[in-house]
Amino acid sequence: MPENGELFGRVVKLVGGDNVIVKTIDGKVRTCRIRGKIKRRMWIRDNDLVLIAPWDFQSGKADIIWRYIAAHADKLSHEGHLTGLN
């Protein structure tokens, strides 16, 4: 679950070079960077549900913290946590 300052987002497009375009639950489209910690452990694809942490110094950019598997994304959607995402 998101903690302070973190948001849910849906991957729109893979740009390349560890960058991803993500539509967040607050309606903004951000360019996100895949952190090195998860870059080698998780594959991120289009339409994946991710948890992001927006940058303080640039509002249009963020870091991807976690990628949810399909079962967890369905559960969060069923519980109503993803009302702003489609």
N, C-alpha and C. Protein backbone atom coordinates (compact mmCIF):
# COMPACT_ATOMS: atom_id res chain seq x y z
N MET A 1 0.84 -1.18 0.00
CA MET A 1 0.00 0.00 0.00
C MET A 1 0.88 1.25 0.00
N PRO A 2 0.41 2.31 -0.65
CA PRO A 2 1.21 3.53 -0.70
C PRO A 2 1.36 4.17 0.68
N GLU A 3 2.54 4.62 0.95
CA GLU A 3 2.81 5.35 2.19
C GLU A 3 2.84 6.84 1.85
N ASN A 4 3.46 7.64 2.68
CA ASN A 4 3.44 9.09 2.49
C ASN A 4 4.13 9.49 1.18
N GLY A 5 3.38 10.16 0.32
CA GLY A 5 3.92 10.66 -0.93
C GLY A 5 3.97 9.67 -2.08
N GLU A 6 3.59 8.42 -1.86
CA GLU A 6 3.64 7.41 -2.92
C GLU A 6 2.26 7.28 -3.58
N LEU A 7 2.26 6.88 -4.86
CA LEU A 7 1.03 6.79 -5.64
C LEU A 7 1.01 5.50 -6.45
N PHE A 8 -0.22 5.05 -6.75
CA PHE A 8 -0.39 3.96 -7.70
C PHE A 8 -0.34 4.55 -9.10
N GLY A 9 0.11 3.74 -10.05
CA GLY A 9 0.15 4.18 -11.44
C GLY A 9 0.03 3.00 -12.38
N ARG A 10 -0.35 3.28 -13.62
CA ARG A 10 -0.47 2.25 -14.65
C ARG A 10 0.51 2.59 -15.76
N VAL A 11 1.33 1.63 -16.17
CA VAL A 11 2.34 1.85 -17.21
C VAL A 11 1.64 2.06 -18.54
N VAL A 12 1.95 3.17 -19.20
CA VAL A 12 1.36 3.49 -20.50
C VAL A 12 2.30 3.06 -21.62
N LYS A 13 3.59 3.38 -21.46
CA LYS A 13 4.54 3.12 -22.53
C LYS A 13 5.94 2.94 -21.97
N LEU A 14 6.68 2.00 -22.55
CA LEU A 14 8.09 1.83 -22.22
C LEU A 14 8.89 2.69 -23.19
N VAL A 15 9.65 3.63 -22.67
CA VAL A 15 10.38 4.57 -23.50
C VAL A 15 11.77 4.04 -23.84
N GLY A 16 12.37 3.31 -22.92
CA GLY A 16 13.72 2.80 -23.12
C GLY A 16 14.70 3.50 -22.22
N GLY A 17 15.83 2.88 -22.00
CA GLY A 17 16.83 3.49 -21.13
C GLY A 17 16.36 3.61 -19.71
N ASP A 18 15.65 2.62 -19.20
CA ASP A 18 15.12 2.59 -17.83
C ASP A 18 14.06 3.65 -17.57
N ASN A 19 13.45 4.19 -18.60
CA ASN A 19 12.38 5.18 -18.45
C ASN A 19 11.06 4.61 -18.92
N VAL A 20 9.99 4.99 -18.21
CA VAL A 20 8.66 4.49 -18.47
C VAL A 20 7.68 5.66 -18.32
N ILE A 21 6.67 5.70 -19.18
CA ILE A 21 5.60 6.69 -19.05
C ILE A 21 4.49 6.04 -18.23
N VAL A 22 4.08 6.70 -17.13
CA VAL A 22 3.10 6.15 -16.20
C VAL A 22 1.98 7.16 -15.98
N LYS A 23 0.72 6.69 -16.04
CA LYS A 23 -0.43 7.51 -15.67
C LYS A 23 -0.76 7.19 -14.22
N THR A 24 -0.71 8.20 -13.36
CA THR A 24 -0.90 7.99 -11.93
C THR A 24 -2.36 8.16 -11.54
N ILE A 25 -2.66 7.78 -10.32
CA ILE A 25 -4.03 7.80 -9.82
C ILE A 25 -4.57 9.23 -9.67
N ASP A 26 -3.68 10.22 -9.59
CA ASP A 26 -4.12 11.61 -9.48
C ASP A 26 -4.36 12.26 -10.85
N GLY A 27 -4.25 11.48 -11.92
CA GLY A 27 -4.58 11.96 -13.26
C GLY A 27 -3.41 12.51 -14.05
N LYS A 28 -2.23 12.60 -13.47
CA LYS A 28 -1.06 13.13 -14.17
C LYS A 28 -0.32 12.02 -14.89
N VAL A 29 0.37 12.40 -15.95
CA VAL A 29 1.23 11.47 -16.69
C VAL A 29 2.67 11.86 -16.37
N ARG A 30 3.42 10.90 -15.83
CA ARG A 30 4.78 11.18 -15.39
C ARG A 30 5.77 10.27 -16.10
N THR A 31 6.99 10.78 -16.28
CA THR A 31 8.10 9.97 -16.75
C THR A 31 8.76 9.37 -15.53
N CYS A 32 8.80 8.05 -15.47
CA CYS A 32 9.33 7.38 -14.29
C CYS A 32 10.60 6.62 -14.64
N ARG A 33 11.45 6.51 -13.65
CA ARG A 33 12.72 5.81 -13.79
C ARG A 33 12.63 4.51 -13.00
N ILE A 34 13.08 3.42 -13.62
CA ILE A 34 13.11 2.14 -12.92
C ILE A 34 14.36 2.12 -12.06
N ARG A 35 14.17 1.99 -10.77
CA ARG A 35 15.30 1.97 -9.84
C ARG A 35 16.17 0.76 -10.08
N GLY A 36 17.45 0.89 -9.82
CA GLY A 36 18.39 -0.20 -10.03
C GLY A 36 18.10 -1.43 -9.18
N LYS A 37 17.50 -1.22 -8.01
CA LYS A 37 17.18 -2.31 -7.11
C LYS A 37 16.18 -3.28 -7.74
N ILE A 38 15.20 -2.74 -8.47
CA ILE A 38 14.19 -3.62 -9.07
C ILE A 38 14.42 -3.85 -10.56
N LYS A 39 15.36 -3.14 -11.16
CA LYS A 39 15.60 -3.25 -12.59
C LYS A 39 16.02 -4.66 -12.98
N ARG A 40 16.80 -5.29 -12.17
CA ARG A 40 17.32 -6.61 -12.48
C ARG A 40 16.44 -7.74 -11.97
N ARG A 41 15.45 -7.41 -11.13
CA ARG A 41 14.62 -8.44 -10.52
C ARG A 41 13.22 -8.55 -11.11
N MET A 42 12.69 -7.47 -11.64
CA MET A 42 11.32 -7.46 -12.14
C MET A 42 11.28 -6.94 -13.57
N TRP A 43 10.48 -7.58 -14.39
CA TRP A 43 10.23 -7.09 -15.74
C TRP A 43 8.99 -6.22 -15.69
N ILE A 44 9.09 -5.03 -16.25
CA ILE A 44 7.95 -4.12 -16.29
C ILE A 44 7.47 -4.04 -17.73
N ARG A 45 6.15 -4.26 -17.91
CA ARG A 45 5.53 -4.26 -19.23
C ARG A 45 4.40 -3.24 -19.27
N ASP A 46 3.86 -3.04 -20.48
CA ASP A 46 2.71 -2.14 -20.64
C ASP A 46 1.55 -2.63 -19.80
N ASN A 47 0.79 -1.69 -19.26
CA ASN A 47 -0.44 -1.93 -18.51
C ASN A 47 -0.19 -2.59 -17.14
N ASP A 48 1.04 -2.58 -16.64
CA ASP A 48 1.32 -3.10 -15.30
C ASP A 48 0.96 -2.05 -14.26
N LEU A 49 0.53 -2.51 -13.10
CA LEU A 49 0.27 -1.62 -11.97
C LEU A 49 1.56 -1.46 -11.19
N VAL A 50 1.96 -0.21 -10.94
CA VAL A 50 3.21 0.07 -10.25
C VAL A 50 2.96 1.06 -9.11
N LEU A 51 3.87 1.06 -8.17
CA LEU A 51 3.87 2.03 -7.08
C LEU A 51 5.02 2.98 -7.34
N ILE A 52 4.73 4.29 -7.34
CA ILE A 52 5.77 5.27 -7.66
C ILE A 52 5.94 6.27 -6.53
N ALA A 53 7.11 6.89 -6.51
CA ALA A 53 7.43 7.95 -5.55
C ALA A 53 7.82 9.19 -6.37
N PRO A 54 6.94 10.21 -6.46
CA PRO A 54 7.28 11.42 -7.22
C PRO A 54 8.48 12.15 -6.63
N TRP A 55 9.23 12.76 -7.53
CA TRP A 55 10.40 13.53 -7.10
C TRP A 55 9.94 14.86 -6.50
N ASP A 56 10.67 15.34 -5.51
CA ASP A 56 10.35 16.62 -4.88
C ASP A 56 10.73 17.80 -5.76
N PHE A 57 11.82 17.67 -6.52
CA PHE A 57 12.36 18.80 -7.26
C PHE A 57 11.87 18.89 -8.70
N GLN A 58 11.24 17.84 -9.25
CA GLN A 58 10.63 17.88 -10.57
C GLN A 58 9.30 17.16 -10.49
N SER A 59 8.21 17.87 -10.68
CA SER A 59 6.89 17.28 -10.46
C SER A 59 6.50 16.28 -11.53
N GLY A 60 7.09 16.34 -12.71
CA GLY A 60 6.73 15.45 -13.80
C GLY A 60 7.51 14.16 -13.85
N LYS A 61 8.34 13.91 -12.83
CA LYS A 61 9.18 12.72 -12.82
C LYS A 61 9.02 11.97 -11.51
N ALA A 62 9.32 10.65 -11.55
CA ALA A 62 9.17 9.82 -10.36
C ALA A 62 10.04 8.58 -10.48
N ASP A 63 10.16 7.85 -9.38
CA ASP A 63 10.85 6.57 -9.36
C ASP A 63 9.81 5.46 -9.19
N ILE A 64 10.02 4.35 -9.89
CA ILE A 64 9.16 3.19 -9.70
C ILE A 64 9.72 2.39 -8.53
N ILE A 65 8.89 2.16 -7.53
CA ILE A 65 9.30 1.46 -6.33
C ILE A 65 8.95 -0.03 -6.40
N TRP A 66 7.77 -0.35 -6.95
CA TRP A 66 7.31 -1.73 -6.95
C TRP A 66 6.37 -1.98 -8.10
N ARG A 67 6.38 -3.21 -8.63
CA ARG A 67 5.42 -3.65 -9.64
C ARG A 67 4.55 -4.73 -9.03
N TYR A 68 3.24 -4.58 -9.16
CA TYR A 68 2.30 -5.55 -8.62
C TYR A 68 2.02 -6.63 -9.66
N ILE A 69 1.93 -7.89 -9.22
CA ILE A 69 1.53 -8.97 -10.11
C ILE A 69 0.03 -8.86 -10.36
N ALA A 70 -0.46 -9.55 -11.36
CA ALA A 70 -1.86 -9.42 -11.79
C ALA A 70 -2.84 -9.76 -10.67
N ALA A 71 -2.55 -10.77 -9.88
CA ALA A 71 -3.46 -11.17 -8.80
C ALA A 71 -3.59 -10.07 -7.75
N HIS A 72 -2.49 -9.44 -7.39
CA HIS A 72 -2.53 -8.36 -6.41
C HIS A 72 -3.21 -7.12 -6.99
N ALA A 73 -2.99 -6.84 -8.28
CA ALA A 73 -3.64 -5.70 -8.92
C ALA A 73 -5.15 -5.91 -8.97
N ASP A 74 -5.59 -7.13 -9.25
CA ASP A 74 -7.03 -7.42 -9.26
C ASP A 74 -7.63 -7.26 -7.86
N LYS A 75 -6.91 -7.69 -6.84
CA LYS A 75 -7.39 -7.56 -5.48
C LYS A 75 -7.52 -6.09 -5.08
N LEU A 76 -6.50 -5.29 -5.41
CA LEU A 76 -6.56 -3.85 -5.09
C LEU A 76 -7.70 -3.17 -5.84
N SER A 77 -7.93 -3.56 -7.08
CA SER A 77 -9.02 -3.00 -7.86
C SER A 77 -10.37 -3.39 -7.27
N HIS A 78 -10.49 -4.63 -6.84
CA HIS A 78 -11.74 -5.13 -6.26
C HIS A 78 -12.05 -4.41 -4.94
N GLU A 79 -11.00 -4.08 -4.18
CA GLU A 79 -11.18 -3.38 -2.90
C GLU A 79 -11.44 -1.89 -3.08
N GLY A 80 -11.28 -1.36 -4.30
CA GLY A 80 -11.60 0.03 -4.58
C GLY A 80 -10.45 1.00 -4.42
N HIS A 81 -9.22 0.52 -4.36
CA HIS A 81 -8.07 1.42 -4.21
C HIS A 81 -7.65 2.08 -5.51
N LEU A 82 -8.12 1.56 -6.65
CA LEU A 82 -7.68 2.04 -7.96
C LEU A 82 -8.81 2.73 -8.72
N THR A 83 -9.57 3.57 -8.06
CA THR A 83 -10.73 4.19 -8.70
C THR A 83 -10.35 5.17 -9.79
N GLY A 84 -9.20 5.79 -9.74
CA GLY A 84 -8.79 6.77 -10.75
C GLY A 84 -8.08 6.20 -11.94
N LEU A 85 -7.74 4.91 -11.91
CA LEU A 85 -7.01 4.28 -13.00
C LEU A 85 -7.93 3.39 -13.83
N ASN A 86 -7.67 3.35 -15.13
CA ASN A 86 -8.42 2.43 -16.00
C ASN A 86 -7.46 1.72 -16.89
